[in-house]
């Protein structure tokens, strides 16, 4: 029998890890919060992809990681490298934001992963599965992905309030933070591996 108090606890824990409110501000500064089809498409693809990733790891994550001898630290390093690379390209304006193909790619990396379904979220759903059961893990994902979708839709309003100048300024600051976050993921992953070996 599912405990509602435990389910609420698990859902809140995953919500804090995903932090969709901060992500909504990030999307707004990228101009992904406009009124057009691109905004809705980015949000839909991002949340759908993140949901698929989290469901996969909730059900098969431990088996996949054992089979390929992958640790959480390995994920931290890999996703950190992806985030650093993508964010530097973003900061320097190398990436072609105007292309439809890029918009869909951008929805998957870095938004769906690692910003929504990152190492912390993946670890959380696996933890919940073993601590409180698969049903709690799946329900927590369903609740949070629904909330994330709703919150990200509000990025449209945030974008209008900020305007172009403030959006550009905040975009650069947030991108620098994302680069630092990526480096932090790599550093923590490497240090954890070194400690494990030592």
C-alpha atoms as a PDB file:
ATOM      1  CA  UNK A   1       0.000   0.000   0.000  1.00  0.00           C
ATOM      2  CA  UNK A   2       1.326   3.431  -0.972  1.00  0.00           C
ATOM      3  CA  UNK A   3       1.884   5.891   1.873  1.00  0.00           C
ATOM      4  CA  UNK A   4       0.714   9.356   0.830  1.00  0.00           C
ATOM      5  CA  UNK A   5       3.075  11.018   3.295  1.00  0.00           C
ATOM      6  CA  UNK A   6       6.067   9.153   1.854  1.00  0.00           C
ATOM      7  CA  UNK A   7       4.916   9.877  -1.698  1.00  0.00           C
ATOM      8  CA  UNK A   8       4.641  13.584  -0.877  1.00  0.00           C
ATOM      9  CA  UNK A   9       8.102  13.490   0.682  1.00  0.00           C
ATOM     10  CA  UNK A  10       9.565  11.786  -2.393  1.00  0.00           C
ATOM     11  CA  UNK A  11       7.818  14.171  -4.795  1.00  0.00           C
ATOM     12  CA  UNK A  12       9.035  17.240  -2.892  1.00  0.00           C
ATOM     13  CA  UNK A  13      12.588  15.880  -2.791  1.00  0.00           C
ATOM     14  CA  UNK A  14      12.601  15.379  -6.571  1.00  0.00           C
ATOM     15  CA  UNK A  15      11.029  18.819  -7.118  1.00  0.00           C
ATOM     16  CA  UNK A  16      13.835  20.471  -5.143  1.00  0.00           C
ATOM     17  CA  UNK A  17      16.448  18.558  -7.137  1.00  0.00           C
ATOM     18  CA  UNK A  18      14.925  19.468 -10.523  1.00  0.00           C
ATOM     19  CA  UNK A  19      14.231  23.106  -9.515  1.00  0.00           C
ATOM     20  CA  UNK A  20      11.879  23.988 -12.407  1.00  0.00           C
ATOM     21  CA  UNK A  21      11.432  27.579 -11.188  1.00  0.00           C
ATOM     22  CA  UNK A  22      15.084  28.441 -11.863  1.00  0.00           C
ATOM     23  CA  UNK A  23      14.866  26.597 -15.169  1.00  0.00           C
ATOM     24  CA  UNK A  24      11.828  28.692 -16.144  1.00  0.00           C
ATOM     25  CA  UNK A  25      13.873  31.870 -15.686  1.00  0.00           C
ATOM     26  CA  UNK A  26      16.646  30.350 -17.801  1.00  0.00           C
ATOM     27  CA  UNK A  27      14.199  29.510 -20.607  1.00  0.00           C
ATOM     28  CA  UNK A  28      12.771  33.012 -20.448  1.00  0.00           C
ATOM     29  CA  UNK A  29      16.210  34.581 -20.913  1.00  0.00           C
ATOM     30  CA  UNK A  30      16.877  32.334 -23.909  1.00  0.00           C
ATOM     31  CA  UNK A  31      13.824  33.713 -25.667  1.00  0.00           C
ATOM     32  CA  UNK A  32      12.257  30.268 -25.464  1.00  0.00           C
ATOM     33  CA  UNK A  33       9.357  31.787 -23.613  1.00  0.00           C
ATOM     34  CA  UNK A  34       7.745  33.561 -26.539  1.00  0.00           C
ATOM     35  CA  UNK A  35       4.215  33.140 -27.825  1.00  0.00           C
ATOM     36  CA  UNK A  36       5.113  31.132 -30.901  1.00  0.00           C
ATOM     37  CA  UNK A  37       5.178  27.459 -31.720  1.00  0.00           C
ATOM     38  CA  UNK A  38       8.901  27.165 -30.955  1.00  0.00           C
ATOM     39  CA  UNK A  39       8.357  27.940 -27.266  1.00  0.00           C
ATOM     40  CA  UNK A  40       5.646  25.351 -26.852  1.00  0.00           C
ATOM     41  CA  UNK A  41       7.666  22.838 -28.856  1.00  0.00           C
ATOM     42  CA  UNK A  42      10.811  23.372 -26.764  1.00  0.00           C
ATOM     43  CA  UNK A  43       8.922  22.902 -23.516  1.00  0.00           C
ATOM     44  CA  UNK A  44       7.014  19.861 -24.768  1.00  0.00           C
ATOM     45  CA  UNK A  45      10.095  18.124 -26.175  1.00  0.00           C
ATOM     46  CA  UNK A  46      12.179  18.947 -23.089  1.00  0.00           C
ATOM     47  CA  UNK A  47       9.687  17.603 -20.579  1.00  0.00           C
ATOM     48  CA  UNK A  48       8.876  14.542 -22.712  1.00  0.00           C
ATOM     49  CA  UNK A  49      12.558  13.665 -23.128  1.00  0.00           C
ATOM     50  CA  UNK A  50      13.307  14.231 -19.438  1.00  0.00           C
ATOM     51  CA  UNK A  51      10.328  12.073 -18.469  1.00  0.00           C
ATOM     52  CA  UNK A  52      11.540   9.250 -20.718  1.00  0.00           C
ATOM     53  CA  UNK A  53      15.046   9.445 -19.225  1.00  0.00           C
ATOM     54  CA  UNK A  54      13.809   9.399 -15.623  1.00  0.00           C
ATOM     55  CA  UNK A  55      11.349   6.565 -16.292  1.00  0.00           C
ATOM     56  CA  UNK A  56      14.098   4.531 -17.939  1.00  0.00           C
ATOM     57  CA  UNK A  57      16.393   4.941 -14.953  1.00  0.00           C
ATOM     58  CA  UNK A  58      13.622   4.387 -12.423  1.00  0.00           C
ATOM     59  CA  UNK A  59      12.810   1.019 -13.992  1.00  0.00           C
ATOM     60  CA  UNK A  60      16.143  -0.144 -15.428  1.00  0.00           C
ATOM     61  CA  UNK A  61      18.752   2.322 -14.170  1.00  0.00           C
ATOM     62  CA  UNK A  62      20.471   0.072 -11.654  1.00  0.00           C
ATOM     63  CA  UNK A  63      20.621  -2.811 -14.158  1.00  0.00           C
ATOM     64  CA  UNK A  64      22.009  -0.552 -16.909  1.00  0.00           C
ATOM     65  CA  UNK A  65      24.647   0.897 -14.611  1.00  0.00           C
ATOM     66  CA  UNK A  66      25.719  -2.522 -13.358  1.00  0.00           C
ATOM     67  CA  UNK A  67      25.790  -4.061 -16.844  1.00  0.00           C
ATOM     68  CA  UNK A  68      28.004  -1.320 -18.275  1.00  0.00           C
ATOM     69  CA  UNK A  69      29.913  -0.801 -15.005  1.00  0.00           C
ATOM     70  CA  UNK A  70      28.802   2.837 -14.900  1.00  0.00           C
ATOM     71  CA  UNK A  71      28.766   4.758 -11.636  1.00  0.00           C
ATOM     72  CA  UNK A  72      26.901   7.916 -10.656  1.00  0.00           C
ATOM     73  CA  UNK A  73      30.289   9.651 -10.735  1.00  0.00           C
ATOM     74  CA  UNK A  74      30.708   8.639 -14.392  1.00  0.00           C
ATOM     75  CA  UNK A  75      27.369  10.284 -15.169  1.00  0.00           C
ATOM     76  CA  UNK A  76      28.414  13.421 -13.310  1.00  0.00           C
ATOM     77  CA  UNK A  77      31.597  13.724 -15.380  1.00  0.00           C
ATOM     78  CA  UNK A  78      29.876  12.989 -18.714  1.00  0.00           C
ATOM     79  CA  UNK A  79      26.936  15.333 -18.148  1.00  0.00           C
ATOM     80  CA  UNK A  80      29.244  17.981 -16.711  1.00  0.00           C
ATOM     81  CA  UNK A  81      31.371  17.865 -19.872  1.00  0.00           C
ATOM     82  CA  UNK A  82      28.242  18.159 -22.025  1.00  0.00           C
ATOM     83  CA  UNK A  83      26.997  21.127 -20.006  1.00  0.00           C
ATOM     84  CA  UNK A  84      30.347  22.958 -20.135  1.00  0.00           C
ATOM     85  CA  UNK A  85      30.741  22.429 -23.893  1.00  0.00           C
ATOM     86  CA  UNK A  86      27.191  23.465 -24.724  1.00  0.00           C
ATOM     87  CA  UNK A  87      27.227  26.491 -22.404  1.00  0.00           C
ATOM     88  CA  UNK A  88      30.541  27.823 -23.764  1.00  0.00           C
ATOM     89  CA  UNK A  89      29.182  27.571 -27.323  1.00  0.00           C
ATOM     90  CA  UNK A  90      26.039  29.331 -26.119  1.00  0.00           C
ATOM     91  CA  UNK A  91      27.993  32.106 -24.376  1.00  0.00           C
ATOM     92  CA  UNK A  92      30.143  32.751 -27.455  1.00  0.00           C
ATOM     93  CA  UNK A  93      27.131  32.702 -29.761  1.00  0.00           C
ATOM     94  CA  UNK A  94      28.519  29.827 -31.822  1.00  0.00           C
ATOM     95  CA  UNK A  95      25.316  27.816 -31.936  1.00  0.00           C
ATOM     96  CA  UNK A  96      22.649  28.617 -34.595  1.00  0.00           C
ATOM     97  CA  UNK A  97      19.634  29.365 -32.421  1.00  0.00           C
ATOM     98  CA  UNK A  98      17.478  30.313 -35.376  1.00  0.00           C
ATOM     99  CA  UNK A  99      17.340  26.878 -36.975  1.00  0.00           C
ATOM    100  CA  UNK A 100      14.397  24.593 -36.273  1.00  0.00           C
ATOM    101  CA  UNK A 101      16.673  21.567 -35.997  1.00  0.00           C
ATOM    102  CA  UNK A 102      18.786  23.279 -33.356  1.00  0.00           C
ATOM    103  CA  UNK A 103      15.743  24.279 -31.326  1.00  0.00           C
ATOM    104  CA  UNK A 104      14.777  20.612 -30.980  1.00  0.00           C
ATOM    105  CA  UNK A 105      18.355  19.601 -30.147  1.00  0.00           C
ATOM    106  CA  UNK A 106      18.503  22.392 -27.566  1.00  0.00           C
ATOM    107  CA  UNK A 107      15.317  21.073 -25.989  1.00  0.00           C
ATOM    108  CA  UNK A 108      17.052  17.742 -25.368  1.00  0.00           C
ATOM    109  CA  UNK A 109      20.555  19.000 -24.496  1.00  0.00           C
ATOM    110  CA  UNK A 110      20.982  20.847 -22.191  1.00  0.00           C
ATOM    111  CA  UNK A 111      17.362  21.373 -21.077  1.00  0.00           C
ATOM    112  CA  UNK A 112      15.994  17.810 -20.819  1.00  0.00           C
ATOM    113  CA  UNK A 113      19.393  16.568 -19.686  1.00  0.00           C
ATOM    114  CA  UNK A 114      21.275  17.536 -17.631  1.00  0.00           C
ATOM    115  CA  UNK A 115      19.139  20.494 -16.446  1.00  0.00           C
ATOM    116  CA  UNK A 116      15.945  18.492 -15.757  1.00  0.00           C
ATOM    117  CA  UNK A 117      17.053  14.859 -15.752  1.00  0.00           C
ATOM    118  CA  UNK A 118      20.577  15.312 -14.453  1.00  0.00           C
ATOM    119  CA  UNK A 119      22.707  13.098 -12.188  1.00  0.00           C
ATOM    120  CA  UNK A 120      20.916  14.275  -9.041  1.00  0.00           C
ATOM    121  CA  UNK A 121      17.431  13.603 -10.454  1.00  0.00           C
ATOM    122  CA  UNK A 122      18.487  10.200 -11.820  1.00  0.00           C
ATOM    123  CA  UNK A 123      20.045   9.254  -8.484  1.00  0.00           C
ATOM    124  CA  UNK A 124      16.923  10.433  -6.655  1.00  0.00           C
ATOM    125  CA  UNK A 125      14.487   8.299  -8.665  1.00  0.00           C
ATOM    126  CA  UNK A 126      16.711   5.235  -8.205  1.00  0.00           C
ATOM    127  CA  UNK A 127      16.973   5.958  -4.471  1.00  0.00           C
ATOM    128  CA  UNK A 128      13.196   6.361  -4.125  1.00  0.00           C
ATOM    129  CA  UNK A 129      12.679   3.065  -5.957  1.00  0.00           C
ATOM    130  CA  UNK A 130      14.752   1.159  -3.411  1.00  0.00           C
ATOM    131  CA  UNK A 131      13.720   3.173  -0.358  1.00  0.00           C
ATOM    132  CA  UNK A 132       9.957   3.370  -0.907  1.00  0.00           C
ATOM    133  CA  UNK A 133       9.135   1.259  -3.968  1.00  0.00           C
ATOM    134  CA  UNK A 134       8.843   1.557  -7.732  1.00  0.00           C
ATOM    135  CA  UNK A 135       5.304   2.970  -7.528  1.00  0.00           C
ATOM    136  CA  UNK A 136       6.533   5.914  -5.441  1.00  0.00           C
ATOM    137  CA  UNK A 137       9.372   6.521  -7.873  1.00  0.00           C
ATOM    138  CA  UNK A 138       7.083   6.482 -10.922  1.00  0.00           C
ATOM    139  CA  UNK A 139       4.450   8.622  -9.191  1.00  0.00           C
ATOM    140  CA  UNK A 140       7.081  11.165  -8.133  1.00  0.00           C
ATOM    141  CA  UNK A 141       8.261  11.419 -11.731  1.00  0.00           C
ATOM    142  CA  UNK A 142       4.697  11.872 -13.025  1.00  0.00           C
ATOM    143  CA  UNK A 143       3.911  14.574 -10.447  1.00  0.00           C
ATOM    144  CA  UNK A 144       7.139  16.470 -11.039  1.00  0.00           C
ATOM    145  CA  UNK A 145       7.077  16.324 -14.811  1.00  0.00           C
ATOM    146  CA  UNK A 146       3.527  17.696 -14.770  1.00  0.00           C
ATOM    147  CA  UNK A 147       4.565  20.499 -12.409  1.00  0.00           C
ATOM    148  CA  UNK A 148       7.697  21.179 -14.447  1.00  0.00           C
ATOM    149  CA  UNK A 149       5.678  21.518 -17.646  1.00  0.00           C
ATOM    150  CA  UNK A 150       3.261  23.955 -15.980  1.00  0.00           C
ATOM    151  CA  UNK A 151       6.070  26.029 -14.443  1.00  0.00           C
ATOM    152  CA  UNK A 152       8.013  26.184 -17.714  1.00  0.00           C
ATOM    153  CA  UNK A 153       4.944  27.450 -19.536  1.00  0.00           C
ATOM    154  CA  UNK A 154       5.073  30.456 -17.196  1.00  0.00           C
ATOM    155  CA  UNK A 155       8.464  31.319 -18.683  1.00  0.00           C
ATOM    156  CA  UNK A 156       6.484  32.944 -21.500  1.00  0.00           C
ATOM    157  CA  UNK A 157       5.223  35.604 -19.090  1.00  0.00           C
ATOM    158  CA  UNK A 158       8.651  36.032 -17.490  1.00  0.00           C
ATOM    159  CA  UNK A 159      10.198  36.669 -20.904  1.00  0.00           C
ATOM    160  CA  UNK A 160       7.729  39.468 -21.641  1.00  0.00           C
ATOM    161  CA  UNK A 161       8.382  41.111 -18.272  1.00  0.00           C
ATOM    162  CA  UNK A 162      12.172  41.047 -18.651  1.00  0.00           C
ATOM    163  CA  UNK A 163      12.393  42.490 -22.147  1.00  0.00           C
ATOM    164  CA  UNK A 164      15.252  41.964 -24.620  1.00  0.00           C
ATOM    165  CA  UNK A 165      18.033  43.850 -22.769  1.00  0.00           C
ATOM    166  CA  UNK A 166      17.487  42.256 -19.371  1.00  0.00           C
ATOM    167  CA  UNK A 167      16.937  38.854 -20.955  1.00  0.00           C
ATOM    168  CA  UNK A 168      20.308  39.088 -22.726  1.00  0.00           C
ATOM    169  CA  UNK A 169      22.096  40.225 -19.566  1.00  0.00           C
ATOM    170  CA  UNK A 170      20.583  37.528 -17.367  1.00  0.00           C
ATOM    171  CA  UNK A 171      21.170  34.962 -20.110  1.00  0.00           C
ATOM    172  CA  UNK A 172      24.936  35.595 -20.032  1.00  0.00           C
ATOM    173  CA  UNK A 173      25.049  35.456 -16.229  1.00  0.00           C
ATOM    174  CA  UNK A 174      23.033  32.231 -16.117  1.00  0.00           C
ATOM    175  CA  UNK A 175      25.199  30.713 -18.860  1.00  0.00           C
ATOM    176  CA  UNK A 176      28.323  31.455 -16.803  1.00  0.00           C
ATOM    177  CA  UNK A 177      26.660  29.762 -13.836  1.00  0.00           C
ATOM    178  CA  UNK A 178      25.875  26.737 -16.023  1.00  0.00           C
ATOM    179  CA  UNK A 179      29.524  26.546 -17.101  1.00  0.00           C
ATOM    180  CA  UNK A 180      30.534  26.626 -13.431  1.00  0.00           C
ATOM    181  CA  UNK A 181      27.903  23.981 -12.644  1.00  0.00           C
ATOM    182  CA  UNK A 182      29.289  21.742 -15.381  1.00  0.00           C
ATOM    183  CA  UNK A 183      32.818  22.156 -14.029  1.00  0.00           C
ATOM    184  CA  UNK A 184      31.506  21.410 -10.533  1.00  0.00           C
ATOM    185  CA  UNK A 185      29.900  18.176 -11.759  1.00  0.00           C
ATOM    186  CA  UNK A 186      33.166  17.110 -13.386  1.00  0.00           C
ATOM    187  CA  UNK A 187      35.201  18.041 -10.296  1.00  0.00           C
ATOM    188  CA  UNK A 188      32.908  16.202  -7.874  1.00  0.00           C
ATOM    189  CA  UNK A 189      32.776  13.180 -10.135  1.00  0.00           C
ATOM    190  CA  UNK A 190      36.567  13.010 -10.435  1.00  0.00           C
ATOM    191  CA  UNK A 191      37.118  13.559  -6.695  1.00  0.00           C
ATOM    192  CA  UNK A 192      34.578  10.852  -5.829  1.00  0.00           C
ATOM    193  CA  UNK A 193      36.306   8.405  -8.177  1.00  0.00           C
ATOM    194  CA  UNK A 194      39.728   9.261  -6.711  1.00  0.00           C
ATOM    195  CA  UNK A 195      38.411   8.769  -3.171  1.00  0.00           C
ATOM    196  CA  UNK A 196      36.859   5.439  -4.157  1.00  0.00           C
ATOM    197  CA  UNK A 197      40.131   4.215  -5.667  1.00  0.00           C
ATOM    198  CA  UNK A 198      42.210   5.538  -2.784  1.00  0.00           C
END
